[in-house]
C-alpha atoms as a PDB file:
ATOM      1  CA  MET A   1       0.000   0.000   0.000  1.00  0.00           C
ATOM      2  CA  THR A   2       1.381   3.458  -0.943  1.00  0.00           C
ATOM      3  CA  ARG A   3       1.486   6.435   1.442  1.00  0.00           C
ATOM      4  CA  ASN A   4      -0.984   9.286   0.817  1.00  0.00           C
ATOM      5  CA  PRO A   5       1.081  12.132  -0.832  1.00  0.00           C
ATOM      6  CA  ARG A   6      -0.962  14.811   0.961  1.00  0.00           C
ATOM      7  CA  HIS A   7      -0.379  13.150   4.337  1.00  0.00           C
ATOM      8  CA  GLN A   8       3.349  12.891   3.573  1.00  0.00           C
ATOM      9  CA  ARG A   9       3.634  16.605   2.754  1.00  0.00           C
ATOM     10  CA  GLN A  10       1.826  17.512   5.971  1.00  0.00           C
ATOM     11  CA  GLN A  11       4.180  15.316   8.010  1.00  0.00           C
ATOM     12  CA  GLN A  12       7.258  16.940   6.424  1.00  0.00           C
ATOM     13  CA  HIS A  13       5.825  20.392   7.193  1.00  0.00           C
ATOM     14  CA  ASP A  14       5.213  19.450  10.825  1.00  0.00           C
ATOM     15  CA  GLU A  15       8.771  18.104  11.192  1.00  0.00           C
ATOM     16  CA  ALA A  16      10.252  21.309   9.752  1.00  0.00           C
ATOM     17  CA  SER A  17       8.140  23.402  12.122  1.00  0.00           C
ATOM     18  CA  ASN A  18       9.317  21.350  15.108  1.00  0.00           C
ATOM     19  CA  ILE A  19      12.981  21.798  14.106  1.00  0.00           C
ATOM     20  CA  ALA A  20      12.523  25.555  13.694  1.00  0.00           C
ATOM     21  CA  THR A  21      10.795  25.799  17.067  1.00  0.00           C
ATOM     22  CA  ALA A  22      13.554  23.801  18.749  1.00  0.00           C
ATOM     23  CA  ASP A  23      16.273  26.018  17.229  1.00  0.00           C
ATOM     24  CA  LEU A  24      14.558  29.298  18.187  1.00  0.00           C
ATOM     25  CA  PRO A  25      15.837  29.445  21.803  1.00  0.00           C
ATOM     26  CA  TRP A  26      19.398  28.872  20.644  1.00  0.00           C
ATOM     27  CA  ALA A  27      19.089  31.612  18.048  1.00  0.00           C
ATOM     28  CA  VAL A  28      17.762  34.021  20.662  1.00  0.00           C
ATOM     29  CA  MET A  29      20.577  33.124  23.080  1.00  0.00           C
ATOM     30  CA  GLY A  30      23.163  33.654  20.339  1.00  0.00           C
ATOM     31  CA  ALA A  31      21.753  37.068  19.516  1.00  0.00           C
ATOM     32  CA  LEU A  32      21.741  38.095  23.191  1.00  0.00           C
ATOM     33  CA  ALA A  33      25.346  36.923  23.577  1.00  0.00           C
ATOM     34  CA  LEU A  34      26.382  39.015  20.564  1.00  0.00           C
ATOM     35  CA  VAL A  35      24.647  42.088  21.977  1.00  0.00           C
ATOM     36  CA  LEU A  36      26.372  41.528  25.342  1.00  0.00           C
ATOM     37  CA  VAL A  37      29.800  41.306  23.709  1.00  0.00           C
ATOM     38  CA  VAL A  38      29.188  44.549  21.792  1.00  0.00           C
ATOM     39  CA  LEU A  39      28.076  46.328  24.979  1.00  0.00           C
ATOM     40  CA  LEU A  40      31.158  45.130  26.866  1.00  0.00           C
ATOM     41  CA  LEU A  41      33.420  46.416  24.110  1.00  0.00           C
ATOM     42  CA  LEU A  42      31.679  49.787  24.253  1.00  0.00           C
ATOM     43  CA  VAL A  43      32.051  50.003  28.023  1.00  0.00           C
ATOM     44  CA  ASN A  44      35.585  48.560  28.141  1.00  0.00           C
ATOM     45  CA  PRO A  45      37.137  49.123  24.717  1.00  0.00           C
ATOM     46  CA  VAL A  46      40.094  46.925  23.903  1.00  0.00           C
ATOM     47  CA  THR A  47      43.304  48.967  23.863  1.00  0.00           C
ATOM     48  CA  PRO A  48      45.552  47.847  21.022  1.00  0.00           C
ATOM     49  CA  PRO A  49      49.060  46.890  22.145  1.00  0.00           C
ATOM     50  CA  VAL A  50      51.721  49.582  21.822  1.00  0.00           C
ATOM     51  CA  ASP A  51      55.324  48.724  21.137  1.00  0.00           C
ATOM     52  CA  PRO A  52      57.442  49.845  24.124  1.00  0.00           C
ATOM     53  CA  ASP A  53      59.569  51.915  21.752  1.00  0.00           C
ATOM     54  CA  ASP A  54      56.471  53.893  20.715  1.00  0.00           C
ATOM     55  CA  SER A  55      55.170  54.429  24.243  1.00  0.00           C
ATOM     56  CA  ALA A  56      54.567  58.021  25.327  1.00  0.00           C
ATOM     57  CA  LEU A  57      56.025  57.207  28.752  1.00  0.00           C
ATOM     58  CA  TYR A  58      59.192  55.314  29.573  1.00  0.00           C
ATOM     59  CA  ILE A  59      60.284  54.878  33.197  1.00  0.00           C
ATOM     60  CA  THR A  60      63.298  52.914  34.398  1.00  0.00           C
ATOM     61  CA  ALA A  61      64.683  52.043  37.825  1.00  0.00           C
ATOM     62  CA  GLU A  62      68.175  50.529  37.897  1.00  0.00           C
ATOM     63  CA  TRP A  63      70.268  49.692  40.926  1.00  0.00           C
ATOM     64  CA  ASP A  64      72.920  49.862  42.489  1.00  0.00           C
ATOM     65  CA  PRO A  65      75.635  52.209  41.041  1.00  0.00           C
ATOM     66  CA  THR A  66      77.384  52.582  44.405  1.00  0.00           C
ATOM     67  CA  LEU A  67      77.788  48.819  44.886  1.00  0.00           C
ATOM     68  CA  PRO A  68      81.326  48.530  43.426  1.00  0.00           C
ATOM     69  CA  ARG A  69      82.627  51.073  45.947  1.00  0.00           C
ATOM     70  CA  ARG A  70      80.850  49.389  48.863  1.00  0.00           C
ATOM     71  CA  HIS A  71      82.125  46.016  47.708  1.00  0.00           C
ATOM     72  CA  GLN A  72      85.720  47.231  47.625  1.00  0.00           C
ATOM     73  CA  GLU A  73      85.395  48.668  51.124  1.00  0.00           C
ATOM     74  CA  ASP A  74      83.599  45.698  52.689  1.00  0.00           C
ATOM     75  CA  PRO A  75      83.010  42.722  50.343  1.00  0.00           C
ATOM     76  CA  LEU A  76      80.390  40.121  51.146  1.00  0.00           C
ATOM     77  CA  PRO A  77      82.174  36.730  51.194  1.00  0.00           C
ATOM     78  CA  GLU A  78      79.436  34.908  49.220  1.00  0.00           C
ATOM     79  CA  ARG A  79      79.492  37.451  46.386  1.00  0.00           C
ATOM     80  CA  GLN A  80      83.274  37.622  46.350  1.00  0.00           C
ATOM     81  CA  ALA A  81      83.483  33.835  46.008  1.00  0.00           C
ATOM     82  CA  VAL A  82      81.213  33.820  42.925  1.00  0.00           C
ATOM     83  CA  LEU A  83      83.137  36.674  41.284  1.00  0.00           C
ATOM     84  CA  GLU A  84      86.469  34.943  41.884  1.00  0.00           C
ATOM     85  CA  ARG A  85      85.086  31.642  40.593  1.00  0.00           C
ATOM     86  CA  ASP A  86      83.983  33.287  37.328  1.00  0.00           C
ATOM     87  CA  GLY A  87      86.899  35.706  37.063  1.00  0.00           C
ATOM     88  CA  ALA A  88      84.324  38.540  36.951  1.00  0.00           C
ATOM     89  CA  ILE A  89      84.508  42.187  37.972  1.00  0.00           C
ATOM     90  CA  ILE A  90      81.913  43.557  40.379  1.00  0.00           C
ATOM     91  CA  GLN A  91      79.034  45.354  38.599  1.00  0.00           C
ATOM     92  CA  PRO A  92      76.144  47.473  39.966  1.00  0.00           C
ATOM     93  CA  GLY A  93      73.740  44.709  38.917  1.00  0.00           C
ATOM     94  CA  HIS A  94      75.363  42.256  41.341  1.00  0.00           C
ATOM     95  CA  SER A  95      73.294  43.810  44.139  1.00  0.00           C
ATOM     96  CA  TYR A  96      71.193  41.324  46.122  1.00  0.00           C
ATOM     97  CA  ALA A  97      68.607  44.020  46.935  1.00  0.00           C
ATOM     98  CA  ASP A  98      65.104  43.846  45.484  1.00  0.00           C
ATOM     99  CA  VAL A  99      63.810  47.271  44.420  1.00  0.00           C
ATOM    100  CA  ASP A 100      60.306  47.648  42.970  1.00  0.00           C
ATOM    101  CA  LEU A 101      59.176  50.327  40.542  1.00  0.00           C
ATOM    102  CA  TRP A 102      55.630  51.681  40.950  1.00  0.00           C
ATOM    103  CA  ALA A 103      53.532  54.058  38.842  1.00  0.00           C
ATOM    104  CA  VAL A 104      50.111  55.645  39.342  1.00  0.00           C
ATOM    105  CA  TYR A 105      47.859  57.621  36.990  1.00  0.00           C
ATOM    106  CA  MET A 106      45.036  59.799  38.331  1.00  0.00           C
ATOM    107  CA  ASP A 107      42.635  61.216  35.747  1.00  0.00           C
ATOM    108  CA  PRO A 108      40.857  64.589  36.101  1.00  0.00           C
ATOM    109  CA  GLU A 109      37.614  62.843  37.176  1.00  0.00           C
ATOM    110  CA  GLY A 110      39.348  61.175  40.132  1.00  0.00           C
ATOM    111  CA  GLY A 111      39.887  57.755  38.579  1.00  0.00           C
ATOM    112  CA  CYS A 112      43.063  55.973  39.622  1.00  0.00           C
ATOM    113  CA  GLN A 113      45.259  53.274  38.085  1.00  0.00           C
ATOM    114  CA  VAL A 114      48.285  51.669  39.705  1.00  0.00           C
ATOM    115  CA  VAL A 115      50.888  49.196  38.451  1.00  0.00           C
ATOM    116  CA  GLY A 116      53.696  47.409  40.270  1.00  0.00           C
ATOM    117  CA  TYR A 117      54.393  44.138  42.030  1.00  0.00           C
ATOM    118  CA  PRO A 118      52.627  41.650  42.642  1.00  0.00           C
ATOM    119  CA  ASN A 119      51.749  40.174  39.269  1.00  0.00           C
ATOM    120  CA  HIS A 120      47.982  40.777  39.327  1.00  0.00           C
ATOM    121  CA  ILE A 121      48.521  44.566  39.151  1.00  0.00           C
ATOM    122  CA  ARG A 122      51.349  44.599  36.613  1.00  0.00           C
ATOM    123  CA  GLN A 123      49.027  46.101  33.987  1.00  0.00           C
ATOM    124  CA  SER A 124      46.193  48.619  33.911  1.00  0.00           C
ATOM    125  CA  ALA A 125      44.225  50.226  31.082  1.00  0.00           C
ATOM    126  CA  LEU A 126      47.012  52.794  30.610  1.00  0.00           C
ATOM    127  CA  LEU A 127      50.192  51.605  32.353  1.00  0.00           C
ATOM    128  CA  ARG A 128      52.197  48.402  32.251  1.00  0.00           C
ATOM    129  CA  LEU A 129      55.140  47.019  34.229  1.00  0.00           C
ATOM    130  CA  ASP A 130      57.156  45.791  31.256  1.00  0.00           C
ATOM    131  CA  GLN A 131      60.104  44.387  33.196  1.00  0.00           C
ATOM    132  CA  ASP A 132      60.284  43.143  36.770  1.00  0.00           C
ATOM    133  CA  ASP A 133      63.503  42.210  38.582  1.00  0.00           C
ATOM    134  CA  ARG A 134      64.063  40.685  42.015  1.00  0.00           C
ATOM    135  CA  GLY A 135      67.763  41.481  42.328  1.00  0.00           C
ATOM    136  CA  TRP A 136      70.840  39.387  41.723  1.00  0.00           C
ATOM    137  CA  GLU A 137      70.308  35.741  42.652  1.00  0.00           C
ATOM    138  CA  GLY A 138      73.975  35.237  43.451  1.00  0.00           C
ATOM    139  CA  ASP A 139      74.846  32.249  41.258  1.00  0.00           C
ATOM    140  CA  ASP A 140      75.657  33.722  37.812  1.00  0.00           C
ATOM    141  CA  SER A 141      78.041  36.663  37.519  1.00  0.00           C
ATOM    142  CA  GLN A 142      76.886  37.276  33.933  1.00  0.00           C
ATOM    143  CA  GLU A 143      73.395  38.192  35.113  1.00  0.00           C
ATOM    144  CA  ASN A 144      74.390  41.617  36.330  1.00  0.00           C
ATOM    145  CA  LEU A 145      71.542  43.952  35.360  1.00  0.00           C
ATOM    146  CA  ASN A 146      68.983  44.909  37.996  1.00  0.00           C
ATOM    147  CA  LEU A 147      66.360  46.828  36.036  1.00  0.00           C
ATOM    148  CA  GLU A 148      62.611  47.490  36.133  1.00  0.00           C
ATOM    149  CA  THR A 149      60.667  49.405  33.485  1.00  0.00           C
ATOM    150  CA  VAL A 150      57.168  50.860  33.169  1.00  0.00           C
ATOM    151  CA  GLY A 151      55.567  52.093  29.954  1.00  0.00           C
ATOM    152  CA  ALA A 152      52.226  53.451  28.763  1.00  0.00           C
ATOM    153  CA  ARG A 153      49.844  51.638  26.404  1.00  0.00           C
ATOM    154  CA  THR A 154      49.384  54.736  24.286  1.00  0.00           C
ATOM    155  CA  VAL A 155      51.379  57.047  22.026  1.00  0.00           C
ATOM    156  CA  THR A 156      49.850  60.168  23.643  1.00  0.00           C
ATOM    157  CA  LEU A 157      49.510  60.519  27.395  1.00  0.00           C
ATOM    158  CA  PRO A 158      46.059  61.465  28.709  1.00  0.00           C
ATOM    159  CA  GLN A 159      45.638  64.494  30.926  1.00  0.00           C
ATOM    160  CA  GLY A 160      46.109  63.961  34.651  1.00  0.00           C
ATOM    161  CA  ARG A 161      48.569  63.470  37.474  1.00  0.00           C
ATOM    162  CA  TYR A 162      51.274  60.804  37.361  1.00  0.00           C
ATOM    163  CA  MET A 163      53.300  59.440  40.281  1.00  0.00           C
ATOM    164  CA  VAL A 164      56.354  57.189  40.205  1.00  0.00           C
ATOM    165  CA  SER A 165      58.202  55.600  43.123  1.00  0.00           C
ATOM    166  CA  VAL A 166      61.005  53.183  43.942  1.00  0.00           C
ATOM    167  CA  HIS A 167      60.384  50.862  46.875  1.00  0.00           C
ATOM    168  CA  LEU A 168      63.088  48.870  48.670  1.00  0.00           C
ATOM    169  CA  TYR A 169      61.074  45.680  48.942  1.00  0.00           C
ATOM    170  CA  SER A 170      63.904  43.673  50.495  1.00  0.00           C
ATOM    171  CA  THR A 171      67.601  44.155  51.133  1.00  0.00           C
ATOM    172  CA  ASN A 172      68.241  40.390  50.933  1.00  0.00           C
ATOM    173  CA  GLU A 173      71.147  41.123  53.297  1.00  0.00           C
ATOM    174  CA  GLU A 174      72.605  43.714  50.918  1.00  0.00           C
ATOM    175  CA  ARG A 175      74.407  46.498  52.743  1.00  0.00           C
ATOM    176  CA  LEU A 176      72.727  49.901  52.828  1.00  0.00           C
ATOM    177  CA  PRO A 177      72.182  52.364  51.313  1.00  0.00           C
ATOM    178  CA  VAL A 178      70.914  50.897  48.039  1.00  0.00           C
ATOM    179  CA  THR A 179      71.037  53.690  45.486  1.00  0.00           C
ATOM    180  CA  THR A 180      68.514  53.540  42.644  1.00  0.00           C
ATOM    181  CA  SER A 181      68.840  55.404  39.361  1.00  0.00           C
ATOM    182  CA  LEU A 182      65.326  56.554  38.470  1.00  0.00           C
ATOM    183  CA  ARG A 183      64.688  57.983  35.003  1.00  0.00           C
ATOM    184  CA  VAL A 184      61.386  59.313  33.630  1.00  0.00           C
ATOM    185  CA  THR A 185      61.081  60.086  29.908  1.00  0.00           C
ATOM    186  CA  ILE A 186      57.897  61.697  28.626  1.00  0.00           C
ATOM    187  CA  ASN A 187      57.122  61.620  24.879  1.00  0.00           C
ATOM    188  CA  ARG A 188      60.387  59.854  24.059  1.00  0.00           C
ATOM    189  CA  ASP A 189      61.847  60.575  20.589  1.00  0.00           C
ATOM    190  CA  ARG A 190      59.237  63.272  19.950  1.00  0.00           C
ATOM    191  CA  PRO A 191      59.704  67.042  19.582  1.00  0.00           C
ATOM    192  CA  ASN A 192      58.082  67.547  23.007  1.00  0.00           C
ATOM    193  CA  GLN A 193      60.292  64.990  24.817  1.00  0.00           C
ATOM    194  CA  ARG A 194      61.212  65.726  28.436  1.00  0.00           C
ATOM    195  CA  SER A 195      63.595  63.578  30.468  1.00  0.00           C
ATOM    196  CA  PHE A 196      64.463  63.587  34.164  1.00  0.00           C
ATOM    197  CA  SER A 197      66.795  61.414  36.226  1.00  0.00           C
ATOM    198  CA  TRP A 198      67.741  61.080  39.882  1.00  0.00           C
ATOM    199  CA  GLU A 199      70.074  59.020  42.055  1.00  0.00           C
ATOM    200  CA  ILE A 200      67.882  58.001  45.009  1.00  0.00           C
ATOM    201  CA  PRO A 201      69.517  56.419  48.081  1.00  0.00           C
ATOM    202  CA  LEU A 202      67.227  53.967  49.849  1.00  0.00           C
ATOM    203  CA  GLU A 203      68.536  53.774  53.378  1.00  0.00           C
ATOM    204  CA  GLU A 204      66.235  51.313  55.102  1.00  0.00           C
ATOM    205  CA  PRO A 205      64.039  48.321  54.208  1.00  0.00           C
ATOM    206  CA  ARG A 206      60.592  49.224  52.840  1.00  0.00           C
ATOM    207  CA  GLN A 207      61.575  52.840  52.270  1.00  0.00           C
ATOM    208  CA  GLU A 208      59.739  54.358  49.315  1.00  0.00           C
ATOM    209  CA  LEU A 209      60.623  57.604  47.547  1.00  0.00           C
ATOM    210  CA  GLY A 210      59.221  59.041  44.355  1.00  0.00           C
ATOM    211  CA  VAL A 211      58.207  61.935  42.127  1.00  0.00           C
ATOM    212  CA  SER A 212      55.018  63.259  40.561  1.00  0.00           C
ATOM    213  CA  PHE A 213      54.125  65.375  37.538  1.00  0.00           C
ATOM    214  CA  GLN A 214      51.164  66.704  35.548  1.00  0.00           C
ATOM    215  CA  ILE A 215      50.233  66.149  31.884  1.00  0.00           C
ATOM    216  CA  ASP A 216      48.014  68.687  30.091  1.00  0.00           C
ATOM    217  CA  ASP A 217      45.147  68.032  27.666  1.00  0.00           C
ATOM    218  CA  GLU A 218      47.556  67.930  24.706  1.00  0.00           C
ATOM    219  CA  GLY A 219      49.779  65.233  26.190  1.00  0.00           C
ATOM    220  CA  ASN A 220      52.588  67.588  27.233  1.00  0.00           C
ATOM    221  CA  LEU A 221      54.326  67.945  30.588  1.00  0.00           C
ATOM    222  CA  VAL A 222      52.992  70.894  32.562  1.00  0.00           C
ATOM    223  CA  ASP A 223      55.994  73.171  33.123  1.00  0.00           C
ATOM    224  CA  GLY A 224      57.202  73.177  36.701  1.00  0.00           C
ATOM    225  CA  SER A 225      55.022  70.230  37.743  1.00  0.00           C
ATOM    226  CA  MET A 226      57.836  67.664  38.085  1.00  0.00           C
ATOM    227  CA  THR A 227      58.734  67.291  41.758  1.00  0.00           C
ATOM    228  CA  GLU A 228      61.965  66.213  43.400  1.00  0.00           C
ATOM    229  CA  PRO A 229      62.117  62.772  45.078  1.00  0.00           C
ATOM    230  CA  ARG A 230      60.286  62.626  48.392  1.00  0.00           C
ATOM    231  CA  GLU A 231      58.404  60.107  50.488  1.00  0.00           C
ATOM    232  CA  LEU A 232      55.600  58.770  48.291  1.00  0.00           C
ATOM    233  CA  ARG A 233      53.556  55.792  49.441  1.00  0.00           C
ATOM    234  CA  LEU A 234      52.429  54.004  46.287  1.00  0.00           C
ATOM    235  CA  ALA A 235      53.417  50.409  47.038  1.00  0.00           C
ATOM    236  CA  THR A 236      52.112  50.654  50.589  1.00  0.00           C
ATOM    237  CA  GLY A 237      49.239  53.085  49.976  1.00  0.00           C
ATOM    238  CA  ALA A 238      47.927  53.692  46.461  1.00  0.00           C
ATOM    239  CA  ARG A 239      47.809  49.975  45.596  1.00  0.00           C
ATOM    240  CA  TYR A 240      45.003  49.556  48.132  1.00  0.00           C
ATOM    241  CA  ASN A 241      43.042  52.614  46.958  1.00  0.00           C
ATOM    242  CA  CYS A 242      43.205  52.349  43.165  1.00  0.00           C
ATOM    243  CA  ASP A 243      41.128  50.094  40.968  1.00  0.00           C
END
């Protein structure tokens, strides 16, 4: 016996309707997910990566230029043994001390961003700790560069107040003071470049000294706004108050 053609067409129509009805919730969920993604991008736009060489802000902290003199006057036996083993000459980067570099941006509306150590705050919407260093580990004389760097994720700095500090996180039994060379370069390799550098002696564990400056609405340093190094609690203060 053959199937009724009319009945067969009706059955096919019913099956197609059931499939469409079953797929409808998934289609709606997909559309809602797409709308949510678009809204998130509007609220928190993705900042394209900026090559460190193109960054509008370049900050470095390097230590310890006075170490060779201290070492000659009163060498630590452990360090001296490694240098003699490798036939190496004492370098500033052979310092055991751990110095952290911190930076804060405060926008005109009162918003605040902070970067530094530990790892979960190494990057914000504007700033980024590009290089972190914990001091010389004491086993390889060729690893003799203690350096931390912070850069901006933009080629033009937004208006606001900026603060930078160096924090003696740990001496690791290094003799004091631990001098840190702090350098701040604004708009590097541009016609409006401004550079500043200081030799900052850190004389006790957990001491933190830093500078601050203002950027105008055109991305330039406000004349006279750069301060001299002073006590500035970013690692032990701003990190708990900034988003």
